Amino acid sequence: MDNLGDTIRQKREAKNLTIEELSAATKISVAVLRDIEEGKLDRYKGDEAYVKMYLKKISNVLDFEQEELEELTSQYLALTRELELADIKDKEKKEQHNKDAVTRSQKFKIEKPHLARHDSVYEDKQHVKIIRGGIVLGLVIAIIAVVWFGIYFTSKQSSDPTFESSTNTQAEGDIGTEDNENTDEETTNNTNDEEETTTSSEITLVRNDVLDYSFALPEGEETFTFTIEYYSACWASLTVNDESYDSFVSKIYHDESEYDDETVAETVTLEFSVDDFVSLNLRNGNNGTQKYYINGQEIELTDEDTNDPNPCNFILTLESDLENESTE
């Protein structure tokens, strides 16, 4: 794979381009271009489609011939197959190691100790039986005494003419039931009015699956904004309606060379037309530190959405109507 990186670097140097100038021309981050030239494409395992797209952009800028582009792609695919074979071999070694460990554990047996029985220890002596019987009899007598005392005390209280049950909840006179009912109805109506106003002015969100959301805009909206906040270094790319979206630059956001404070976010805001938008797929190199907003309203992610730090796809779909549904 070093040949691929060397070929790209030599071609770039022959055209007197710095890696920063190549980044500006291809809209590929400097970090990704360095990885390609240094042969570190194993970092992008699972993102082969993006790497092939990067190779095509690089070849267009550096004026590669079609045969040269095909050769670059073939070299990259060959490395990908080598990595997959290496993973398979590692997996087979681990499985064999586990099988060997199980086999060794099955062969290892612990023999039960041979304990000598001693009559003075194991025989049930007569005095022990008497003590046990006395304890059981004492417990039975105590239970009977407690039950009898409770019954006697209760019957004595109920026969007392001055005793009044505390469970008598009957009230005398008019306590204004009708007024209370009217008040409750007015409160309910006011609450319903407030809820309808809030719902009509907000975006409705529905969680379909892990990092997969659908949303509906208030009636009459023609455009909307989608905002991403990155709080740690993260490589990202975006497709809209299953096509590459040029307005979003594929690069490392919140680069450590520019940001040293994870409480400060690098923010990206995109504006879409409702008539032209169906869905988007945001590919992030890591997960867990991003926040997402639609028209400034935050999408409340669940613990299941954020507990996996690995590369992820955030999917957002526009629906015409999500009847009174809310985010799970």
C-alpha atoms as a PDB file:
ATOM      1  CA  MET A   1       0.000   0.000   0.000  1.00  0.00           C
ATOM      2  CA  ASP A   2       3.072   2.238   0.301  1.00  0.00           C
ATOM      3  CA  ASN A   3       3.241   2.298  -3.519  1.00  0.00           C
ATOM      4  CA  LEU A   4      -0.182   3.944  -3.672  1.00  0.00           C
ATOM      5  CA  GLY A   5       0.793   6.663  -1.199  1.00  0.00           C
ATOM      6  CA  ASP A   6       4.168   7.206  -2.884  1.00  0.00           C
ATOM      7  CA  THR A   7       2.503   7.532  -6.292  1.00  0.00           C
ATOM      8  CA  ILE A   8       0.080  10.202  -5.051  1.00  0.00           C
ATOM      9  CA  ARG A   9       2.806  12.133  -3.216  1.00  0.00           C
ATOM     10  CA  GLN A  10       5.146  12.062  -6.245  1.00  0.00           C
ATOM     11  CA  LYS A  11       2.332  13.220  -8.534  1.00  0.00           C
ATOM     12  CA  ARG A  12       1.451  16.049  -6.148  1.00  0.00           C
ATOM     13  CA  GLU A  13       5.080  17.175  -5.835  1.00  0.00           C
ATOM     14  CA  ALA A  14       5.484  17.022  -9.620  1.00  0.00           C
ATOM     15  CA  LYS A  15       2.615  19.539  -9.928  1.00  0.00           C
ATOM     16  CA  ASN A  16       4.255  21.719  -7.230  1.00  0.00           C
ATOM     17  CA  LEU A  17       1.234  21.410  -4.932  1.00  0.00           C
ATOM     18  CA  THR A  18       1.455  21.399  -1.150  1.00  0.00           C
ATOM     19  CA  ILE A  19      -0.749  19.012   0.763  1.00  0.00           C
ATOM     20  CA  GLU A  20      -2.771  22.020   1.988  1.00  0.00           C
ATOM     21  CA  GLU A  21      -3.384  23.164  -1.602  1.00  0.00           C
ATOM     22  CA  LEU A  22      -4.470  19.649  -2.554  1.00  0.00           C
ATOM     23  CA  SER A  23      -6.846  19.666   0.442  1.00  0.00           C
ATOM     24  CA  ALA A  24      -8.413  22.928  -0.718  1.00  0.00           C
ATOM     25  CA  ALA A  25      -8.845  21.615  -4.267  1.00  0.00           C
ATOM     26  CA  THR A  26     -10.382  18.266  -3.267  1.00  0.00           C
ATOM     27  CA  LYS A  27     -12.236  19.387  -0.089  1.00  0.00           C
ATOM     28  CA  ILE A  28     -10.539  16.499   1.741  1.00  0.00           C
ATOM     29  CA  SER A  29      -8.963  17.241   5.107  1.00  0.00           C
ATOM     30  CA  VAL A  30      -5.176  17.473   5.397  1.00  0.00           C
ATOM     31  CA  ALA A  31      -5.184  14.673   7.990  1.00  0.00           C
ATOM     32  CA  VAL A  32      -6.943  12.272   5.605  1.00  0.00           C
ATOM     33  CA  LEU A  33      -4.592  13.168   2.749  1.00  0.00           C
ATOM     34  CA  ARG A  34      -1.567  12.518   4.977  1.00  0.00           C
ATOM     35  CA  ASP A  35      -2.993   9.119   5.953  1.00  0.00           C
ATOM     36  CA  ILE A  36      -3.420   8.216   2.270  1.00  0.00           C
ATOM     37  CA  GLU A  37       0.102   9.287   1.330  1.00  0.00           C
ATOM     38  CA  GLU A  38       1.600   7.476   4.360  1.00  0.00           C
ATOM     39  CA  GLY A  39      -0.334   4.262   3.626  1.00  0.00           C
ATOM     40  CA  LYS A  40      -2.430   4.389   6.831  1.00  0.00           C
ATOM     41  CA  LEU A  41      -5.729   3.473   5.149  1.00  0.00           C
ATOM     42  CA  ASP A  42      -6.344   0.678   7.646  1.00  0.00           C
ATOM     43  CA  ARG A  43      -7.755   3.437   9.870  1.00  0.00           C
ATOM     44  CA  TYR A  44     -10.710   3.721   7.480  1.00  0.00           C
ATOM     45  CA  LYS A  45     -11.812   0.120   7.671  1.00  0.00           C
ATOM     46  CA  GLY A  46     -15.530  -0.036   6.907  1.00  0.00           C
ATOM     47  CA  ASP A  47     -15.408   3.242   4.931  1.00  0.00           C
ATOM     48  CA  GLU A  48     -14.047   1.819   1.672  1.00  0.00           C
ATOM     49  CA  ALA A  49     -16.653   3.660  -0.404  1.00  0.00           C
ATOM     50  CA  TYR A  50     -15.452   7.023   0.943  1.00  0.00           C
ATOM     51  CA  VAL A  51     -11.788   6.164   0.336  1.00  0.00           C
ATOM     52  CA  LYS A  52     -12.506   5.242  -3.310  1.00  0.00           C
ATOM     53  CA  MET A  53     -14.339   8.563  -3.679  1.00  0.00           C
ATOM     54  CA  TYR A  54     -11.277  10.361  -2.229  1.00  0.00           C
ATOM     55  CA  LEU A  55      -8.959   8.566  -4.677  1.00  0.00           C
ATOM     56  CA  LYS A  56     -11.146   9.686  -7.570  1.00  0.00           C
ATOM     57  CA  LYS A  57     -11.110  13.334  -6.399  1.00  0.00           C
ATOM     58  CA  ILE A  58      -7.333  13.227  -5.946  1.00  0.00           C
ATOM     59  CA  SER A  59      -6.803  11.696  -9.401  1.00  0.00           C
ATOM     60  CA  ASN A  60      -8.956  14.424 -11.005  1.00  0.00           C
ATOM     61  CA  VAL A  61      -6.884  17.213  -9.437  1.00  0.00           C
ATOM     62  CA  LEU A  62      -3.516  15.541 -10.102  1.00  0.00           C
ATOM     63  CA  ASP A  63      -4.479  14.616 -13.710  1.00  0.00           C
ATOM     64  CA  PHE A  64      -4.150  10.847 -13.324  1.00  0.00           C
ATOM     65  CA  GLU A  65      -4.893   8.791 -16.408  1.00  0.00           C
ATOM     66  CA  GLN A  66      -7.843   6.399 -16.216  1.00  0.00           C
ATOM     67  CA  GLU A  67      -5.432   3.446 -16.126  1.00  0.00           C
ATOM     68  CA  GLU A  68      -3.523   5.018 -13.228  1.00  0.00           C
ATOM     69  CA  LEU A  69      -6.763   5.593 -11.292  1.00  0.00           C
ATOM     70  CA  GLU A  70      -7.780   1.987 -11.847  1.00  0.00           C
ATOM     71  CA  GLU A  71      -4.357   0.853 -10.631  1.00  0.00           C
ATOM     72  CA  LEU A  72      -4.698   2.980  -7.453  1.00  0.00           C
ATOM     73  CA  THR A  73      -8.139   1.540  -6.792  1.00  0.00           C
ATOM     74  CA  SER A  74      -6.893  -2.010  -7.379  1.00  0.00           C
ATOM     75  CA  GLN A  75      -4.032  -1.493  -4.921  1.00  0.00           C
ATOM     76  CA  TYR A  76      -6.447  -0.172  -2.304  1.00  0.00           C
ATOM     77  CA  LEU A  77      -8.872  -3.085  -2.776  1.00  0.00           C
ATOM     78  CA  ALA A  78      -5.966  -5.535  -2.517  1.00  0.00           C
ATOM     79  CA  LEU A  79      -4.983  -4.040   0.841  1.00  0.00           C
ATOM     80  CA  THR A  80      -8.574  -4.223   1.993  1.00  0.00           C
ATOM     81  CA  ARG A  81      -8.660  -7.949   1.193  1.00  0.00           C
ATOM     82  CA  GLU A  82      -5.365  -8.456   3.041  1.00  0.00           C
ATOM     83  CA  LEU A  83      -6.779  -6.732   6.118  1.00  0.00           C
ATOM     84  CA  GLU A  84      -9.917  -8.868   5.966  1.00  0.00           C
ATOM     85  CA  LEU A  85      -7.831 -12.057   5.689  1.00  0.00           C
ATOM     86  CA  ALA A  86      -5.697 -10.943   8.638  1.00  0.00           C
ATOM     87  CA  ASP A  87      -8.843 -10.341  10.706  1.00  0.00           C
ATOM     88  CA  ILE A  88     -10.167 -13.782   9.767  1.00  0.00           C
ATOM     89  CA  LYS A  89      -6.871 -15.428  10.770  1.00  0.00           C
ATOM     90  CA  ASP A  90      -6.839 -13.563  14.097  1.00  0.00           C
ATOM     91  CA  LYS A  91     -10.406 -14.650  14.728  1.00  0.00           C
ATOM     92  CA  GLU A  92      -9.552 -18.281  13.944  1.00  0.00           C
ATOM     93  CA  LYS A  93      -6.561 -18.148  16.301  1.00  0.00           C
ATOM     94  CA  LYS A  94      -8.734 -16.774  19.104  1.00  0.00           C
ATOM     95  CA  GLU A  95     -11.385 -19.427  18.525  1.00  0.00           C
ATOM     96  CA  GLN A  96      -8.741 -22.174  18.558  1.00  0.00           C
ATOM     97  CA  HIS A  97      -7.242 -20.733  21.733  1.00  0.00           C
ATOM     98  CA  ASN A  98     -10.682 -20.733  23.373  1.00  0.00           C
ATOM     99  CA  LYS A  99     -11.278 -24.356  22.282  1.00  0.00           C
ATOM    100  CA  ASP A 100      -7.907 -25.410  23.712  1.00  0.00           C
ATOM    101  CA  ALA A 101      -8.695 -23.662  26.976  1.00  0.00           C
ATOM    102  CA  VAL A 102     -12.064 -25.453  27.196  1.00  0.00           C
ATOM    103  CA  THR A 103     -10.400 -28.797  26.454  1.00  0.00           C
ATOM    104  CA  ARG A 104      -7.803 -28.248  29.165  1.00  0.00           C
ATOM    105  CA  SER A 105     -10.462 -27.248  31.688  1.00  0.00           C
ATOM    106  CA  GLN A 106     -12.481 -30.394  30.918  1.00  0.00           C
ATOM    107  CA  LYS A 107      -9.456 -32.611  31.540  1.00  0.00           C
ATOM    108  CA  PHE A 108      -8.742 -30.964  34.869  1.00  0.00           C
ATOM    109  CA  LYS A 109     -10.752 -32.579  37.673  1.00  0.00           C
ATOM    110  CA  ILE A 110     -10.881 -31.897  41.379  1.00  0.00           C
ATOM    111  CA  GLU A 111     -11.262 -34.987  43.511  1.00  0.00           C
ATOM    112  CA  LYS A 112     -13.607 -34.871  46.466  1.00  0.00           C
ATOM    113  CA  PRO A 113     -11.776 -35.103  49.806  1.00  0.00           C
ATOM    114  CA  HIS A 114     -12.246 -38.285  51.794  1.00  0.00           C
ATOM    115  CA  LEU A 115     -13.509 -37.190  55.178  1.00  0.00           C
ATOM    116  CA  ALA A 116     -13.602 -39.623  58.067  1.00  0.00           C
ATOM    117  CA  ARG A 117     -16.913 -39.729  59.923  1.00  0.00           C
ATOM    118  CA  HIS A 118     -16.634 -39.289  63.672  1.00  0.00           C
ATOM    119  CA  ASP A 119     -19.558 -40.354  65.814  1.00  0.00           C
ATOM    120  CA  SER A 120     -19.033 -37.646  68.396  1.00  0.00           C
ATOM    121  CA  VAL A 121     -19.464 -34.971  65.738  1.00  0.00           C
ATOM    122  CA  TYR A 122     -22.212 -36.261  63.416  1.00  0.00           C
ATOM    123  CA  GLU A 123     -24.530 -38.185  65.758  1.00  0.00           C
ATOM    124  CA  ASP A 124     -27.630 -36.304  66.942  1.00  0.00           C
ATOM    125  CA  LYS A 125     -27.327 -36.376  70.716  1.00  0.00           C
ATOM    126  CA  GLN A 126     -30.421 -36.666  72.909  1.00  0.00           C
ATOM    127  CA  HIS A 127     -29.821 -33.404  74.780  1.00  0.00           C
ATOM    128  CA  VAL A 128     -29.658 -31.538  71.441  1.00  0.00           C
ATOM    129  CA  LYS A 129     -33.136 -32.848  70.531  1.00  0.00           C
ATOM    130  CA  ILE A 130     -34.515 -31.641  73.883  1.00  0.00           C
ATOM    131  CA  ILE A 131     -33.076 -28.137  73.396  1.00  0.00           C
ATOM    132  CA  ARG A 132     -34.526 -27.891  69.882  1.00  0.00           C
ATOM    133  CA  GLY A 133     -37.959 -28.985  71.091  1.00  0.00           C
ATOM    134  CA  GLY A 134     -37.878 -26.422  73.896  1.00  0.00           C
ATOM    135  CA  ILE A 135     -37.037 -23.591  71.475  1.00  0.00           C
ATOM    136  CA  VAL A 136     -39.857 -24.534  69.089  1.00  0.00           C
ATOM    137  CA  LEU A 137     -42.395 -24.827  71.960  1.00  0.00           C
ATOM    138  CA  GLY A 138     -41.365 -21.413  73.314  1.00  0.00           C
ATOM    139  CA  LEU A 139     -41.876 -19.783  69.910  1.00  0.00           C
ATOM    140  CA  VAL A 140     -45.333 -21.338  69.525  1.00  0.00           C
ATOM    141  CA  ILE A 141     -46.418 -20.103  72.991  1.00  0.00           C
ATOM    142  CA  ALA A 142     -45.131 -16.599  72.221  1.00  0.00           C
ATOM    143  CA  ILE A 143     -47.076 -16.443  68.920  1.00  0.00           C
ATOM    144  CA  ILE A 144     -50.291 -17.621  70.614  1.00  0.00           C
ATOM    145  CA  ALA A 145     -49.871 -14.988  73.358  1.00  0.00           C
ATOM    146  CA  VAL A 146     -49.386 -12.161  70.853  1.00  0.00           C
ATOM    147  CA  VAL A 147     -52.448 -13.190  68.807  1.00  0.00           C
ATOM    148  CA  TRP A 148     -54.654 -13.503  71.923  1.00  0.00           C
ATOM    149  CA  PHE A 149     -53.543 -10.116  73.242  1.00  0.00           C
ATOM    150  CA  GLY A 150     -54.313  -8.454  69.917  1.00  0.00           C
ATOM    151  CA  ILE A 151     -57.804  -9.955  69.726  1.00  0.00           C
ATOM    152  CA  TYR A 152     -58.563  -9.027  73.346  1.00  0.00           C
ATOM    153  CA  PHE A 153     -57.398  -5.433  72.967  1.00  0.00           C
ATOM    154  CA  THR A 154     -59.390  -4.923  69.750  1.00  0.00           C
ATOM    155  CA  SER A 155     -62.610  -6.315  71.199  1.00  0.00           C
ATOM    156  CA  LYS A 156     -62.227  -4.131  74.296  1.00  0.00           C
ATOM    157  CA  GLN A 157     -61.890  -0.972  72.210  1.00  0.00           C
ATOM    158  CA  SER A 158     -64.868  -1.769  69.994  1.00  0.00           C
ATOM    159  CA  SER A 159     -67.112  -2.327  73.050  1.00  0.00           C
ATOM    160  CA  ASP A 160     -66.146   1.065  74.527  1.00  0.00           C
ATOM    161  CA  PRO A 161     -69.025   3.586  73.815  1.00  0.00           C
ATOM    162  CA  THR A 162     -66.523   6.456  73.619  1.00  0.00           C
ATOM    163  CA  PHE A 163     -64.478   4.739  70.865  1.00  0.00           C
ATOM    164  CA  GLU A 164     -64.918   6.262  67.375  1.00  0.00           C
ATOM    165  CA  SER A 165     -63.516   4.579  64.298  1.00  0.00           C
ATOM    166  CA  SER A 166     -60.859   6.639  62.514  1.00  0.00           C
ATOM    167  CA  THR A 167     -61.996   5.232  59.131  1.00  0.00           C
ATOM    168  CA  ASN A 168     -65.309   7.151  59.183  1.00  0.00           C
ATOM    169  CA  THR A 169     -64.901   9.538  56.287  1.00  0.00           C
ATOM    170  CA  GLN A 170     -68.541  10.662  55.923  1.00  0.00           C
ATOM    171  CA  ALA A 171     -68.891  14.476  55.841  1.00  0.00           C
ATOM    172  CA  GLU A 172     -71.943  16.501  56.695  1.00  0.00           C
ATOM    173  CA  GLY A 173     -73.281  19.548  54.884  1.00  0.00           C
ATOM    174  CA  ASP A 174     -72.688  20.982  51.389  1.00  0.00           C
ATOM    175  CA  ILE A 175     -68.970  20.993  50.540  1.00  0.00           C
ATOM    176  CA  GLY A 176     -69.325  22.687  47.151  1.00  0.00           C
ATOM    177  CA  THR A 177     -68.818  19.682  44.873  1.00  0.00           C
ATOM    178  CA  GLU A 178     -70.214  21.443  41.841  1.00  0.00           C
ATOM    179  CA  ASP A 179     -67.824  24.390  42.266  1.00  0.00           C
ATOM    180  CA  ASN A 180     -64.843  22.033  42.500  1.00  0.00           C
ATOM    181  CA  GLU A 181     -65.912  20.157  39.373  1.00  0.00           C
ATOM    182  CA  ASN A 182     -66.262  23.421  37.435  1.00  0.00           C
ATOM    183  CA  THR A 183     -62.840  24.540  38.603  1.00  0.00           C
ATOM    184  CA  ASP A 184     -61.281  21.226  37.553  1.00  0.00           C
ATOM    185  CA  GLU A 185     -62.876  21.472  34.105  1.00  0.00           C
ATOM    186  CA  GLU A 186     -61.573  25.040  33.639  1.00  0.00           C
ATOM    187  CA  THR A 187     -58.048  23.947  34.681  1.00  0.00           C
ATOM    188  CA  THR A 188     -58.150  21.009  32.251  1.00  0.00           C
ATOM    189  CA  ASN A 189     -59.299  23.235  29.386  1.00  0.00           C
ATOM    190  CA  ASN A 190     -56.555  25.774  30.094  1.00  0.00           C
ATOM    191  CA  THR A 191     -53.915  23.018  30.223  1.00  0.00           C
ATOM    192  CA  ASN A 192     -55.120  21.549  26.906  1.00  0.00           C
ATOM    193  CA  ASP A 193     -55.007  24.991  25.275  1.00  0.00           C
ATOM    194  CA  GLU A 194     -51.419  25.501  26.435  1.00  0.00           C
ATOM    195  CA  GLU A 195     -50.333  22.042  25.204  1.00  0.00           C
ATOM    196  CA  GLU A 196     -51.871  22.598  21.752  1.00  0.00           C
ATOM    197  CA  THR A 197     -50.055  25.932  21.391  1.00  0.00           C
ATOM    198  CA  THR A 198     -46.687  24.401  22.368  1.00  0.00           C
ATOM    199  CA  THR A 199     -47.096  21.425  20.048  1.00  0.00           C
ATOM    200  CA  SER A 200     -48.072  23.544  17.044  1.00  0.00           C
ATOM    201  CA  SER A 201     -44.957  25.759  17.344  1.00  0.00           C
ATOM    202  CA  GLU A 202     -42.403  22.973  17.821  1.00  0.00           C
ATOM    203  CA  ILE A 203     -40.853  20.299  15.629  1.00  0.00           C
ATOM    204  CA  THR A 204     -42.223  16.778  16.121  1.00  0.00           C
ATOM    205  CA  LEU A 205     -39.550  14.075  16.465  1.00  0.00           C
ATOM    206  CA  VAL A 206     -39.846  10.281  16.413  1.00  0.00           C
ATOM    207  CA  ARG A 207     -36.973   7.900  17.213  1.00  0.00           C
ATOM    208  CA  ASN A 208     -37.095   4.934  14.807  1.00  0.00           C
ATOM    209  CA  ASP A 209     -33.922   3.126  15.912  1.00  0.00           C
ATOM    210  CA  VAL A 210     -30.433   3.823  17.259  1.00  0.00           C
ATOM    211  CA  LEU A 211     -29.402   7.257  15.848  1.00  0.00           C
ATOM    212  CA  ASP A 212     -32.332   7.058  13.371  1.00  0.00           C
ATOM    213  CA  TYR A 213     -34.913   9.870  13.695  1.00  0.00           C
ATOM    214  CA  SER A 214     -37.874  11.188  11.712  1.00  0.00           C
ATOM    215  CA  PHE A 215     -39.241  14.709  12.097  1.00  0.00           C
ATOM    216  CA  ALA A 216     -42.115  16.906  10.936  1.00  0.00           C
ATOM    217  CA  LEU A 217     -42.034  20.693  10.645  1.00  0.00           C
ATOM    218  CA  PRO A 218     -44.842  23.092  11.597  1.00  0.00           C
ATOM    219  CA  GLU A 219     -47.300  23.682   8.766  1.00  0.00           C
ATOM    220  CA  GLY A 220     -46.195  26.251   6.207  1.00  0.00           C
ATOM    221  CA  GLU A 221     -42.424  25.908   6.767  1.00  0.00           C
ATOM    222  CA  GLU A 222     -40.513  26.084   3.467  1.00  0.00           C
ATOM    223  CA  THR A 223     -36.941  25.763   4.796  1.00  0.00           C
ATOM    224  CA  PHE A 224     -35.207  24.483   7.910  1.00  0.00           C
ATOM    225  CA  THR A 225     -31.712  24.430   9.390  1.00  0.00           C
ATOM    226  CA  PHE A 226     -29.756  21.402  10.619  1.00  0.00           C
ATOM    227  CA  THR A 227     -26.935  22.142  13.069  1.00  0.00           C
ATOM    228  CA  ILE A 228     -24.153  19.837  14.307  1.00  0.00           C
ATOM    229  CA  GLU A 229     -21.949  20.589  17.310  1.00  0.00           C
ATOM    230  CA  TYR A 230     -18.654  18.695  17.566  1.00  0.00           C
ATOM    231  CA  TYR A 231     -17.001  18.664  21.001  1.00  0.00           C
ATOM    232  CA  SER A 232     -14.062  16.361  20.170  1.00  0.00           C
ATOM    233  CA  ALA A 233     -11.954  15.485  17.126  1.00  0.00           C
ATOM    234  CA  CYS A 234     -14.173  13.608  14.644  1.00  0.00           C
ATOM    235  CA  TRP A 235     -13.846  12.809  10.947  1.00  0.00           C
ATOM    236  CA  ALA A 236     -17.214  13.255   9.196  1.00  0.00           C
ATOM    237  CA  SER A 237     -18.908  13.134   5.779  1.00  0.00           C
ATOM    238  CA  LEU A 238     -22.512  13.724   4.674  1.00  0.00           C
ATOM    239  CA  THR A 239     -24.913  12.415   2.048  1.00  0.00           C
ATOM    240  CA  VAL A 240     -28.308  14.003   1.345  1.00  0.00           C
ATOM    241  CA  ASN A 241     -30.986  12.031  -0.487  1.00  0.00           C
ATOM    242  CA  ASP A 242     -28.363   9.236  -0.919  1.00  0.00           C
ATOM    243  CA  GLU A 243     -25.985  11.580  -2.800  1.00  0.00           C
ATOM    244  CA  SER A 244     -22.768  13.300  -1.755  1.00  0.00           C
ATOM    245  CA  TYR A 245     -23.474  16.783  -0.363  1.00  0.00           C
ATOM    246  CA  ASP A 246     -20.826  19.286  -1.478  1.00  0.00           C
ATOM    247  CA  SER A 247     -21.856  22.028   0.955  1.00  0.00           C
ATOM    248  CA  PHE A 248     -20.577  19.827   3.806  1.00  0.00           C
ATOM    249  CA  VAL A 249     -16.774  19.441   3.792  1.00  0.00           C
ATOM    250  CA  SER A 250     -15.546  15.930   4.571  1.00  0.00           C
ATOM    251  CA  LYS A 251     -12.777  16.473   7.125  1.00  0.00           C
ATOM    252  CA  ILE A 252     -11.814  16.179  10.786  1.00  0.00           C
ATOM    253  CA  TYR A 253     -13.964  18.562  12.830  1.00  0.00           C
ATOM    254  CA  HIS A 254     -12.844  19.966  16.207  1.00  0.00           C
ATOM    255  CA  ASP A 255      -9.259  19.222  15.161  1.00  0.00           C
ATOM    256  CA  GLU A 256      -6.949  19.058  18.186  1.00  0.00           C
ATOM    257  CA  SER A 257      -4.553  21.441  16.453  1.00  0.00           C
ATOM    258  CA  GLU A 258      -7.278  24.129  16.528  1.00  0.00           C
ATOM    259  CA  TYR A 259      -9.325  23.200  19.611  1.00  0.00           C
ATOM    260  CA  ASP A 260      -7.854  22.289  23.004  1.00  0.00           C
ATOM    261  CA  ASP A 261     -11.061  22.707  25.034  1.00  0.00           C
ATOM    262  CA  GLU A 262     -13.771  20.016  24.739  1.00  0.00           C
ATOM    263  CA  THR A 263     -16.353  22.363  26.257  1.00  0.00           C
ATOM    264  CA  VAL A 264     -16.118  24.559  23.146  1.00  0.00           C
ATOM    265  CA  ALA A 265     -17.877  23.138  20.086  1.00  0.00           C
ATOM    266  CA  GLU A 266     -17.112  23.460  16.390  1.00  0.00           C
ATOM    267  CA  THR A 267     -20.521  24.200  14.895  1.00  0.00           C
ATOM    268  CA  VAL A 268     -21.754  23.424  11.375  1.00  0.00           C
ATOM    269  CA  THR A 269     -25.138  24.790  10.235  1.00  0.00           C
ATOM    270  CA  LEU A 270     -26.771  23.728   6.968  1.00  0.00           C
ATOM    271  CA  GLU A 271     -29.989  25.061   5.439  1.00  0.00           C
ATOM    272  CA  PHE A 272     -32.313  22.874   3.360  1.00  0.00           C
ATOM    273  CA  SER A 273     -35.422  23.430   1.257  1.00  0.00           C
ATOM    274  CA  VAL A 274     -38.392  21.345   2.388  1.00  0.00           C
ATOM    275  CA  ASP A 275     -39.355  20.584  -1.225  1.00  0.00           C
ATOM    276  CA  ASP A 276     -35.872  19.237  -2.068  1.00  0.00           C
ATOM    277  CA  PHE A 277     -35.119  17.320   1.148  1.00  0.00           C
ATOM    278  CA  VAL A 278     -35.985  13.687   1.902  1.00  0.00           C
ATOM    279  CA  SER A 279     -33.303  12.402   4.265  1.00  0.00           C
ATOM    280  CA  LEU A 280     -29.640  12.747   5.266  1.00  0.00           C
ATOM    281  CA  ASN A 281     -26.966  10.322   6.470  1.00  0.00           C
ATOM    282  CA  LEU A 282     -24.169  11.812   8.567  1.00  0.00           C
ATOM    283  CA  ARG A 283     -21.153   9.467   8.874  1.00  0.00           C
ATOM    284  CA  ASN A 284     -19.052  10.220  11.987  1.00  0.00           C
ATOM    285  CA  GLY A 285     -15.680   8.644  12.739  1.00  0.00           C
ATOM    286  CA  ASN A 286     -16.647   8.398  16.417  1.00  0.00           C
ATOM    287  CA  ASN A 287     -19.846   8.758  18.432  1.00  0.00           C
ATOM    288  CA  GLY A 288     -20.996  10.154  21.742  1.00  0.00           C
ATOM    289  CA  THR A 289     -19.884  13.803  21.857  1.00  0.00           C
ATOM    290  CA  GLN A 290     -21.998  15.345  19.087  1.00  0.00           C
ATOM    291  CA  LYS A 291     -25.235  17.313  19.480  1.00  0.00           C
ATOM    292  CA  TYR A 292     -27.851  17.859  16.747  1.00  0.00           C
ATOM    293  CA  TYR A 293     -30.439  20.621  16.272  1.00  0.00           C
ATOM    294  CA  ILE A 294     -33.330  21.307  13.866  1.00  0.00           C
ATOM    295  CA  ASN A 295     -34.232  25.004  13.675  1.00  0.00           C
ATOM    296  CA  GLY A 296     -32.390  25.411  16.975  1.00  0.00           C
ATOM    297  CA  GLN A 297     -34.406  22.682  18.727  1.00  0.00           C
ATOM    298  CA  GLU A 298     -32.081  20.019  20.159  1.00  0.00           C
ATOM    299  CA  ILE A 299     -32.676  16.366  19.282  1.00  0.00           C
ATOM    300  CA  GLU A 300     -32.698  14.647  22.676  1.00  0.00           C
ATOM    301  CA  LEU A 301     -30.511  11.547  22.210  1.00  0.00           C
ATOM    302  CA  THR A 302     -31.003   8.481  24.401  1.00  0.00           C
ATOM    303  CA  ASP A 303     -28.323   6.580  26.332  1.00  0.00           C
ATOM    304  CA  GLU A 304     -28.504   3.862  23.667  1.00  0.00           C
ATOM    305  CA  ASP A 305     -27.629   6.498  21.028  1.00  0.00           C
ATOM    306  CA  THR A 306     -24.496   7.718  22.828  1.00  0.00           C
ATOM    307  CA  ASN A 307     -23.029   4.737  24.724  1.00  0.00           C
ATOM    308  CA  ASP A 308     -21.142   3.346  21.681  1.00  0.00           C
ATOM    309  CA  PRO A 309     -17.993   5.417  20.867  1.00  0.00           C
ATOM    310  CA  ASN A 310     -17.330   3.655  17.531  1.00  0.00           C
ATOM    311  CA  PRO A 311     -17.987   5.087  14.015  1.00  0.00           C
ATOM    312  CA  CYS A 312     -21.702   5.643  13.422  1.00  0.00           C
ATOM    313  CA  ASN A 313     -24.360   6.835  10.957  1.00  0.00           C
ATOM    314  CA  PHE A 314     -26.831   9.506  12.099  1.00  0.00           C
ATOM    315  CA  ILE A 315     -29.986   9.295   9.941  1.00  0.00           C
ATOM    316  CA  LEU A 316     -32.606  12.061   9.740  1.00  0.00           C
ATOM    317  CA  THR A 317     -35.787  11.738   7.645  1.00  0.00           C
ATOM    318  CA  LEU A 318     -38.388  14.432   6.914  1.00  0.00           C
ATOM    319  CA  GLU A 319     -42.006  13.252   7.200  1.00  0.00           C
ATOM    320  CA  SER A 320     -45.080  15.152   6.107  1.00  0.00           C
ATOM    321  CA  ASP A 321     -47.019  14.312   9.258  1.00  0.00           C
ATOM    322  CA  LEU A 322     -46.166  12.561  12.542  1.00  0.00           C
ATOM    323  CA  GLU A 323     -49.466  12.659  14.380  1.00  0.00           C
ATOM    324  CA  ASN A 324     -48.814  13.661  18.003  1.00  0.00           C
ATOM    325  CA  GLU A 325     -45.816  11.294  18.256  1.00  0.00           C
ATOM    326  CA  SER A 326     -42.772  12.227  20.309  1.00  0.00           C
ATOM    327  CA  THR A 327     -39.157  11.134  20.720  1.00  0.00           C
ATOM    328  CA  GLU A 328     -38.792   7.842  22.566  1.00  0.00           C
END
